[in-house]
Amino acid sequence: IGVLRKLPEARPAALQLSAQIAELRGDEAQAVRLFEQMANDPATAFLGVRGLLQQAIRRQAWRDALPLAERATQLMPGSGWAADALLTAQLRLGRYQDAAATLDHASGKRLLPASDLPRRRAEVLLGRSEESAGDEALEFARKAHGDDPAFPAAAARYAHLLIGQNKLRKAI
């Protein structure tokens, strides 16, 4: 790695490799320093942001992950990985309208696998249902269940809301 650091064209690879070695050794502080160094260099910014974002996701530190995911999507707009990370962070933080916009954009640009879209739409709609009330909550839950009938959380929410409206047959 020392030899690689001396060659300007190999510097990004050397930094990436050094950060990964630090992670494998359990030296998170060193890995963060290296990823931050990479994130601040235009030549390695995406790799650095990606490393920091992966660490935040592993820690489930969604408040840290969100701005990193936003930056990753700005640095690499065509990255499905970045779009998925942004969507996940928005969902985990309860930012369902933002998640809906991200999902629409990612879907339109085909950044996410088509097979993932029904579940992801159902997750967004379920969240919107949970932050709504009355008929609006029921409608979001119905759509979530319709997008992915195999999603237990959506089915449970829809049934629960139907029971609350005394629509037992439909809930069953």
Protein backbone atom coordinates (compact mmCIF):
# COMPACT_ATOMS: atom_id res chain seq x y z
CA ILE A 1 0.00 0.00 0.00
CA GLY A 2 2.90 2.35 0.75
CA VAL A 3 4.15 2.08 -2.83
CA LEU A 4 0.64 2.71 -4.16
CA ARG A 5 0.35 5.91 -2.11
CA LYS A 6 3.41 7.34 -3.89
CA LEU A 7 1.85 6.94 -7.34
CA PRO A 8 -0.72 9.74 -7.91
CA GLU A 9 -2.92 7.63 -10.18
CA ALA A 10 -2.99 4.82 -7.60
CA ARG A 11 -3.87 7.06 -4.64
CA PRO A 12 -7.66 6.41 -4.78
CA ALA A 13 -7.11 2.66 -4.78
CA ALA A 14 -4.58 2.91 -1.94
CA LEU A 15 -6.95 4.98 0.20
CA GLN A 16 -9.85 2.60 -0.49
CA LEU A 17 -7.71 -0.43 0.33
CA SER A 18 -6.34 1.21 3.49
CA ALA A 19 -9.86 2.07 4.68
CA GLN A 20 -11.07 -1.48 4.06
CA ILE A 21 -8.08 -2.93 5.90
CA ALA A 22 -8.79 -0.61 8.84
CA GLU A 23 -12.40 -1.83 8.87
CA LEU A 24 -11.31 -5.47 8.82
CA ARG A 25 -8.97 -4.82 11.72
CA GLY A 26 -11.82 -3.22 13.64
CA ASP A 27 -10.21 0.23 13.57
CA GLU A 28 -13.36 2.17 12.74
CA ALA A 29 -11.78 5.51 13.67
CA GLN A 30 -9.00 5.04 11.11
CA ALA A 31 -11.50 3.86 8.49
CA VAL A 32 -13.65 6.95 9.10
CA ARG A 33 -10.61 9.23 8.77
CA LEU A 34 -9.68 7.63 5.46
CA PHE A 35 -13.25 7.66 4.11
CA GLU A 36 -13.62 11.31 5.13
CA GLN A 37 -10.34 12.12 3.38
CA MET A 38 -11.68 10.40 0.28
CA ALA A 39 -15.05 12.14 0.56
CA ASN A 40 -13.33 15.53 0.53
CA ASP A 41 -11.35 14.80 -2.65
CA PRO A 42 -13.32 15.20 -5.90
CA ALA A 43 -11.47 12.23 -7.43
CA THR A 44 -12.56 9.86 -4.66
CA ALA A 45 -15.64 11.60 -3.24
CA PHE A 46 -18.17 8.91 -4.17
CA LEU A 47 -16.01 6.10 -2.76
CA GLY A 48 -15.48 8.02 0.47
CA VAL A 49 -19.16 8.87 0.86
CA ARG A 50 -20.07 5.26 0.07
CA GLY A 51 -17.70 3.99 2.77
CA LEU A 52 -19.10 6.40 5.36
CA LEU A 53 -22.65 5.54 4.32
CA GLN A 54 -22.02 1.81 4.60
CA GLN A 55 -20.69 2.33 8.11
CA ALA A 56 -23.74 4.39 9.09
CA ILE A 57 -26.06 1.72 7.67
CA ARG A 58 -24.23 -1.04 9.60
CA ARG A 59 -24.69 0.99 12.80
CA GLN A 60 -28.30 1.74 11.79
CA ALA A 61 -27.47 5.40 12.32
CA TRP A 62 -30.13 6.63 9.92
CA ARG A 63 -29.76 10.31 10.83
CA ASP A 64 -26.11 10.06 9.79
CA ALA A 65 -26.94 7.94 6.75
CA LEU A 66 -29.53 10.28 5.23
CA PRO A 67 -27.24 13.22 4.30
CA LEU A 68 -24.59 10.77 3.10
CA ALA A 69 -27.13 9.00 0.89
CA GLU A 70 -28.31 12.36 -0.46
CA ARG A 71 -24.72 13.29 -1.29
CA ALA A 72 -24.09 9.89 -2.88
CA THR A 73 -27.07 10.35 -5.18
CA GLN A 74 -25.81 13.82 -6.12
CA LEU A 75 -22.32 12.51 -6.85
CA MET A 76 -23.57 9.50 -8.81
CA PRO A 77 -27.16 10.11 -9.97
CA GLY A 78 -27.28 6.84 -11.91
CA SER A 79 -26.31 4.65 -8.96
CA GLY A 80 -29.01 2.19 -7.98
CA TRP A 81 -27.09 1.47 -4.78
CA ALA A 82 -27.21 5.15 -3.78
CA ALA A 83 -30.91 5.45 -4.65
CA ASP A 84 -31.72 2.37 -2.59
CA ALA A 85 -29.69 3.67 0.36
CA LEU A 86 -31.48 7.03 0.18
CA LEU A 87 -34.88 5.35 0.03
CA THR A 88 -34.05 3.10 2.97
CA ALA A 89 -32.82 6.01 5.11
CA GLN A 90 -35.93 8.05 4.31
CA LEU A 91 -38.19 5.13 5.23
CA ARG A 92 -36.33 4.44 8.48
CA LEU A 93 -36.65 8.09 9.48
CA GLY A 94 -40.34 8.25 8.62
CA ARG A 95 -39.88 10.69 5.73
CA TYR A 96 -42.51 8.98 3.61
CA GLN A 97 -43.28 11.80 1.18
CA ASP A 98 -39.57 12.16 0.44
CA ALA A 99 -39.36 8.38 0.07
CA ALA A 100 -42.27 8.44 -2.39
CA ALA A 101 -40.47 11.05 -4.50
CA THR A 102 -37.21 9.07 -4.36
CA LEU A 103 -39.02 5.89 -5.35
CA ASP A 104 -40.78 7.62 -8.25
CA HIS A 105 -37.47 9.03 -9.48
CA ALA A 106 -35.58 5.75 -9.06
CA SER A 107 -38.37 3.82 -10.73
CA GLY A 108 -38.54 6.23 -13.66
CA LYS A 109 -34.78 6.02 -14.16
CA ARG A 110 -34.80 2.24 -13.65
CA LEU A 111 -32.27 2.47 -10.83
CA LEU A 112 -33.95 -0.26 -8.78
CA PRO A 113 -34.77 -3.79 -9.89
CA ALA A 114 -38.36 -4.01 -11.16
CA SER A 115 -38.91 -6.98 -8.86
CA ASP A 116 -38.22 -4.77 -5.80
CA LEU A 117 -40.65 -2.01 -6.74
CA PRO A 118 -43.92 -3.51 -5.41
CA ARG A 119 -42.45 -4.08 -1.93
CA ARG A 120 -40.78 -0.69 -1.85
CA ARG A 121 -44.03 1.04 -2.94
CA ALA A 122 -45.89 -0.93 -0.26
CA GLU A 123 -43.36 0.20 2.37
CA VAL A 124 -43.86 3.84 1.39
CA LEU A 125 -47.65 3.52 1.35
CA LEU A 126 -47.67 1.68 4.68
CA GLY A 127 -45.67 4.51 6.24
CA ARG A 128 -48.05 7.08 4.77
CA SER A 129 -50.96 5.08 6.23
CA GLU A 130 -49.35 5.04 9.66
CA GLU A 131 -48.92 8.81 9.68
CA SER A 132 -52.50 9.40 8.45
CA ALA A 133 -55.91 8.89 10.00
CA GLY A 134 -59.40 7.83 8.98
CA ASP A 135 -60.25 7.17 5.36
CA GLU A 136 -56.88 8.45 4.16
CA ALA A 137 -55.04 5.92 6.34
CA LEU A 138 -57.33 3.16 5.09
CA GLU A 139 -56.74 4.13 1.45
CA PHE A 140 -52.95 4.13 1.85
CA ALA A 141 -53.15 0.74 3.60
CA ARG A 142 -55.37 -0.65 0.84
CA LYS A 143 -52.91 0.49 -1.81
CA ALA A 144 -49.96 -0.91 0.15
CA HIS A 145 -51.68 -4.28 0.43
CA GLY A 146 -52.61 -4.15 -3.26
CA ASP A 147 -49.03 -3.41 -4.34
CA ASP A 148 -47.62 -6.32 -2.34
CA PRO A 149 -50.26 -8.72 -0.97
CA ALA A 150 -47.48 -10.89 0.50
CA PHE A 151 -46.22 -8.03 2.73
CA PRO A 152 -47.48 -8.99 6.22
CA ALA A 153 -47.21 -5.51 7.73
CA ALA A 154 -49.38 -4.02 4.97
CA ALA A 155 -51.97 -6.79 5.27
CA ALA A 156 -52.08 -6.42 9.05
CA ARG A 157 -52.46 -2.63 8.89
CA TYR A 158 -55.21 -2.87 6.28
CA ALA A 159 -57.10 -5.53 8.27
CA HIS A 160 -56.72 -3.53 11.50
CA LEU A 161 -58.16 -0.40 9.88
CA LEU A 162 -61.02 -2.38 8.33
CA ILE A 163 -61.86 -3.89 11.71
CA GLY A 164 -61.85 -0.38 13.18
CA GLN A 165 -64.53 0.55 10.65
CA ASN A 166 -66.48 -2.61 11.50
CA LYS A 167 -65.82 -4.12 8.06
CA LEU A 168 -65.09 -7.54 9.47
CA ARG A 169 -65.88 -9.59 6.39
CA LYS A 170 -63.50 -7.55 4.27
CA ALA A 171 -60.84 -7.70 6.99
CA ILE A 172 -61.01 -11.48 7.05
